[in-house]
Amino acid sequence: MAGSRSEASKRKDRVAHIRFSPAEFEALEAAASAAGMTVSAFLRSLSMDGAGVRPFLGEGDRAVFGLLAEGMRAIGSNLNQIARAINTGRVPADGAVAGSIKDAHGVATALAAELAEMTRRCAAVRRGEGA
C-alpha cells in the first residue's frame, strides 16, 4: 500500500499552460536538448529551481552526483562488512576502519563542495550574472 501512495505522489497530473513565441519555443527546445532533457522536464526543473524547491541539475551535475553516489554506496558496503565482522566477534583487517572513514570523509567533502558550487552558480544565474 505504501508503494502505491509513493507512486501517487510522484504522478504528474497537474497541468500549467504557458505560451511562447516560435523563437522562444525554439530556444527552449534547444536548451532542453542541450541539457539532455525533454521540454517538460526542463521547464519543471527550472520552475522548481526558481521557486527554491529543488535545484536545477544539468548533465554535468547529474554525472558528478552519480559518481559521488556510487562512491557512497561502495563506502556504505565496506562499513556494513566491517560492522558485520565486529558484531560476530571478528577483527577487521588492519586499516580497514580508518580507510573506510577516510574514504567517507573524502566523498562527503567532495559532495559538500559540489553542492556549494551548484548553489553559487544558481544564485549567480538568478541575479543575472551568468554562471
C-alpha atoms as a PDB file:
ATOM      1  CA  MET A   1       0.000   0.000   0.000  1.00  0.00           C
ATOM      2  CA  ALA A   2       2.853   2.390   0.837  1.00  0.00           C
ATOM      3  CA  GLY A   3       4.259   1.833  -2.662  1.00  0.00           C
ATOM      4  CA  SER A   4       1.020   2.994  -4.275  1.00  0.00           C
ATOM      5  CA  ARG A   5       0.975   6.120  -2.090  1.00  0.00           C
ATOM      6  CA  SER A   6       4.515   6.901  -3.202  1.00  0.00           C
ATOM      7  CA  GLU A   7       3.574   6.357  -6.832  1.00  0.00           C
ATOM      8  CA  ALA A   8       0.553   8.617  -6.447  1.00  0.00           C
ATOM      9  CA  SER A   9       2.709  11.387  -5.012  1.00  0.00           C
ATOM     10  CA  LYS A  10       5.094  11.099  -7.975  1.00  0.00           C
ATOM     11  CA  ARG A  11       2.312  11.187 -10.567  1.00  0.00           C
ATOM     12  CA  LYS A  12       2.307  14.401 -12.547  1.00  0.00           C
ATOM     13  CA  ASP A  13      -1.362  15.066 -13.186  1.00  0.00           C
ATOM     14  CA  ARG A  14      -1.460  18.845 -12.741  1.00  0.00           C
ATOM     15  CA  VAL A  15      -1.046  20.992 -15.859  1.00  0.00           C
ATOM     16  CA  ALA A  16       0.173  24.576 -16.197  1.00  0.00           C
ATOM     17  CA  HIS A  17      -0.399  26.284 -19.533  1.00  0.00           C
ATOM     18  CA  ILE A  18       2.232  28.681 -20.833  1.00  0.00           C
ATOM     19  CA  ARG A  19       2.590  30.372 -24.212  1.00  0.00           C
ATOM     20  CA  PHE A  20       5.804  31.005 -26.137  1.00  0.00           C
ATOM     21  CA  SER A  21       6.579  32.751 -29.396  1.00  0.00           C
ATOM     22  CA  PRO A  22       8.013  30.435 -32.075  1.00  0.00           C
ATOM     23  CA  ALA A  23      11.506  31.848 -31.453  1.00  0.00           C
ATOM     24  CA  GLU A  24      11.194  31.420 -27.685  1.00  0.00           C
ATOM     25  CA  PHE A  25       9.997  27.850 -28.055  1.00  0.00           C
ATOM     26  CA  GLU A  26      12.815  27.041 -30.464  1.00  0.00           C
ATOM     27  CA  ALA A  27      15.327  28.399 -27.927  1.00  0.00           C
ATOM     28  CA  LEU A  28      13.592  26.418 -25.183  1.00  0.00           C
ATOM     29  CA  GLU A  29      13.803  23.194 -27.203  1.00  0.00           C
ATOM     30  CA  ALA A  30      17.485  23.797 -27.913  1.00  0.00           C
ATOM     31  CA  ALA A  31      18.237  24.455 -24.238  1.00  0.00           C
ATOM     32  CA  ALA A  32      16.298  21.367 -23.141  1.00  0.00           C
ATOM     33  CA  SER A  33      18.097  19.255 -25.715  1.00  0.00           C
ATOM     34  CA  ALA A  34      21.483  20.616 -24.628  1.00  0.00           C
ATOM     35  CA  ALA A  35      20.613  19.656 -21.035  1.00  0.00           C
ATOM     36  CA  GLY A  36      19.620  16.152 -22.200  1.00  0.00           C
ATOM     37  CA  MET A  37      16.027  16.653 -21.058  1.00  0.00           C
ATOM     38  CA  THR A  38      12.538  16.820 -22.511  1.00  0.00           C
ATOM     39  CA  VAL A  39      10.983  20.269 -22.737  1.00  0.00           C
ATOM     40  CA  SER A  40       8.547  19.340 -19.933  1.00  0.00           C
ATOM     41  CA  ALA A  41      11.304  18.054 -17.632  1.00  0.00           C
ATOM     42  CA  PHE A  42      13.450  21.099 -18.435  1.00  0.00           C
ATOM     43  CA  LEU A  43      10.671  23.577 -17.615  1.00  0.00           C
ATOM     44  CA  ARG A  44       9.695  21.651 -14.476  1.00  0.00           C
ATOM     45  CA  SER A  45      13.303  21.629 -13.283  1.00  0.00           C
ATOM     46  CA  LEU A  46      13.781  25.348 -13.938  1.00  0.00           C
ATOM     47  CA  SER A  47      10.465  26.172 -12.257  1.00  0.00           C
ATOM     48  CA  MET A  48      11.305  24.152  -9.163  1.00  0.00           C
ATOM     49  CA  ASP A  49      14.766  25.761  -9.040  1.00  0.00           C
ATOM     50  CA  GLY A  50      13.317  29.256  -9.399  1.00  0.00           C
ATOM     51  CA  ALA A  51      10.804  28.564  -6.641  1.00  0.00           C
ATOM     52  CA  GLY A  52      13.619  27.378  -4.391  1.00  0.00           C
ATOM     53  CA  VAL A  53      12.096  23.902  -4.151  1.00  0.00           C
ATOM     54  CA  ARG A  54      14.717  21.840  -5.968  1.00  0.00           C
ATOM     55  CA  PRO A  55      17.953  22.871  -7.728  1.00  0.00           C
ATOM     56  CA  PHE A  56      18.353  22.579 -11.494  1.00  0.00           C
ATOM     57  CA  LEU A  57      20.729  19.768 -12.349  1.00  0.00           C
ATOM     58  CA  GLY A  58      22.444  19.854 -15.718  1.00  0.00           C
ATOM     59  CA  GLU A  59      24.063  16.849 -17.355  1.00  0.00           C
ATOM     60  CA  GLY A  60      27.416  17.575 -15.696  1.00  0.00           C
ATOM     61  CA  ASP A  61      25.794  17.934 -12.265  1.00  0.00           C
ATOM     62  CA  ARG A  62      23.952  14.632 -12.682  1.00  0.00           C
ATOM     63  CA  ALA A  63      27.194  12.905 -13.730  1.00  0.00           C
ATOM     64  CA  VAL A  64      29.118  14.252 -10.735  1.00  0.00           C
ATOM     65  CA  PHE A  65      26.348  13.363  -8.287  1.00  0.00           C
ATOM     66  CA  GLY A  66      26.087   9.911  -9.870  1.00  0.00           C
ATOM     67  CA  LEU A  67      29.787   9.288  -9.262  1.00  0.00           C
ATOM     68  CA  LEU A  68      29.553  10.604  -5.712  1.00  0.00           C
ATOM     69  CA  ALA A  69      26.501   8.420  -5.023  1.00  0.00           C
ATOM     70  CA  GLU A  70      28.345   5.374  -6.359  1.00  0.00           C
ATOM     71  CA  GLY A  71      31.274   6.194  -4.073  1.00  0.00           C
ATOM     72  CA  MET A  72      28.937   6.490  -1.075  1.00  0.00           C
ATOM     73  CA  ARG A  73      27.320   3.131  -1.921  1.00  0.00           C
ATOM     74  CA  ALA A  74      30.737   1.448  -2.056  1.00  0.00           C
ATOM     75  CA  ILE A  75      31.781   3.030   1.240  1.00  0.00           C
ATOM     76  CA  GLY A  76      28.478   2.026   2.839  1.00  0.00           C
ATOM     77  CA  SER A  77      29.029  -1.545   1.716  1.00  0.00           C
ATOM     78  CA  ASN A  78      32.528  -1.551   3.225  1.00  0.00           C
ATOM     79  CA  LEU A  79      31.262  -0.108   6.514  1.00  0.00           C
ATOM     80  CA  ASN A  80      28.472  -2.729   6.645  1.00  0.00           C
ATOM     81  CA  GLN A  81      31.022  -5.512   6.164  1.00  0.00           C
ATOM     82  CA  ILE A  82      33.183  -4.047   8.931  1.00  0.00           C
ATOM     83  CA  ALA A  83      30.183  -3.754  11.291  1.00  0.00           C
ATOM     84  CA  ARG A  84      29.134  -7.341  10.488  1.00  0.00           C
ATOM     85  CA  ALA A  85      32.644  -8.550  11.249  1.00  0.00           C
ATOM     86  CA  ILE A  86      32.777  -6.696  14.558  1.00  0.00           C
ATOM     87  CA  ASN A  87      29.290  -7.925  15.552  1.00  0.00           C
ATOM     88  CA  THR A  88      30.320 -11.538  15.004  1.00  0.00           C
ATOM     89  CA  GLY A  89      33.489 -11.136  17.055  1.00  0.00           C
ATOM     90  CA  ARG A  90      35.919 -10.930  14.145  1.00  0.00           C
ATOM     91  CA  VAL A  91      38.535  -8.206  13.966  1.00  0.00           C
ATOM     92  CA  PRO A  92      38.522  -6.168  10.732  1.00  0.00           C
ATOM     93  CA  ALA A  93      41.702  -6.082   8.669  1.00  0.00           C
ATOM     94  CA  ASP A  94      44.335  -3.566   9.708  1.00  0.00           C
ATOM     95  CA  GLY A  95      43.416  -0.115   8.438  1.00  0.00           C
ATOM     96  CA  ALA A  96      40.000  -1.167   7.121  1.00  0.00           C
ATOM     97  CA  VAL A  97      38.053   1.020   9.539  1.00  0.00           C
ATOM     98  CA  ALA A  98      40.345   4.038   9.208  1.00  0.00           C
ATOM     99  CA  GLY A  99      40.457   3.647   5.424  1.00  0.00           C
ATOM    100  CA  SER A 100      36.676   3.478   5.110  1.00  0.00           C
ATOM    101  CA  ILE A 101      36.253   6.521   7.359  1.00  0.00           C
ATOM    102  CA  LYS A 102      38.846   8.422   5.315  1.00  0.00           C
ATOM    103  CA  ASP A 103      37.029   7.447   2.091  1.00  0.00           C
ATOM    104  CA  ALA A 104      33.672   8.549   3.526  1.00  0.00           C
ATOM    105  CA  HIS A 105      35.188  11.863   4.589  1.00  0.00           C
ATOM    106  CA  GLY A 106      36.622  12.411   1.101  1.00  0.00           C
ATOM    107  CA  VAL A 107      33.322  11.733  -0.644  1.00  0.00           C
ATOM    108  CA  ALA A 108      31.380  13.857   1.860  1.00  0.00           C
ATOM    109  CA  THR A 109      33.842  16.729   1.338  1.00  0.00           C
ATOM    110  CA  ALA A 110      33.520  16.446  -2.449  1.00  0.00           C
ATOM    111  CA  LEU A 111      29.727  16.359  -2.156  1.00  0.00           C
ATOM    112  CA  ALA A 112      29.704  19.464   0.055  1.00  0.00           C
ATOM    113  CA  ALA A 113      31.988  21.305  -2.387  1.00  0.00           C
ATOM    114  CA  GLU A 114      29.808  20.336  -5.355  1.00  0.00           C
ATOM    115  CA  LEU A 115      26.626  21.464  -3.575  1.00  0.00           C
ATOM    116  CA  ALA A 116      28.259  24.789  -2.621  1.00  0.00           C
ATOM    117  CA  GLU A 117      29.361  25.354  -6.225  1.00  0.00           C
ATOM    118  CA  MET A 118      25.892  24.490  -7.552  1.00  0.00           C
ATOM    119  CA  THR A 119      24.324  26.903  -5.072  1.00  0.00           C
ATOM    120  CA  ARG A 120      26.759  29.629  -6.138  1.00  0.00           C
ATOM    121  CA  ARG A 121      26.023  29.055  -9.842  1.00  0.00           C
ATOM    122  CA  CYS A 122      22.245  29.037  -9.352  1.00  0.00           C
ATOM    123  CA  ALA A 123      22.335  32.226  -7.278  1.00  0.00           C
ATOM    124  CA  ALA A 124      24.538  33.957  -9.870  1.00  0.00           C
ATOM    125  CA  VAL A 125      22.173  32.964 -12.675  1.00  0.00           C
ATOM    126  CA  ARG A 126      19.180  34.264 -10.695  1.00  0.00           C
ATOM    127  CA  ARG A 127      20.984  37.585 -10.183  1.00  0.00           C
ATOM    128  CA  GLY A 128      21.677  37.733 -13.930  1.00  0.00           C
ATOM    129  CA  GLU A 129      25.426  37.340 -13.530  1.00  0.00           C
ATOM    130  CA  GLY A 130      25.682  34.162 -15.580  1.00  0.00           C
ATOM    131  CA  ALA A 131      27.493  31.085 -14.310  1.00  0.00           C
END
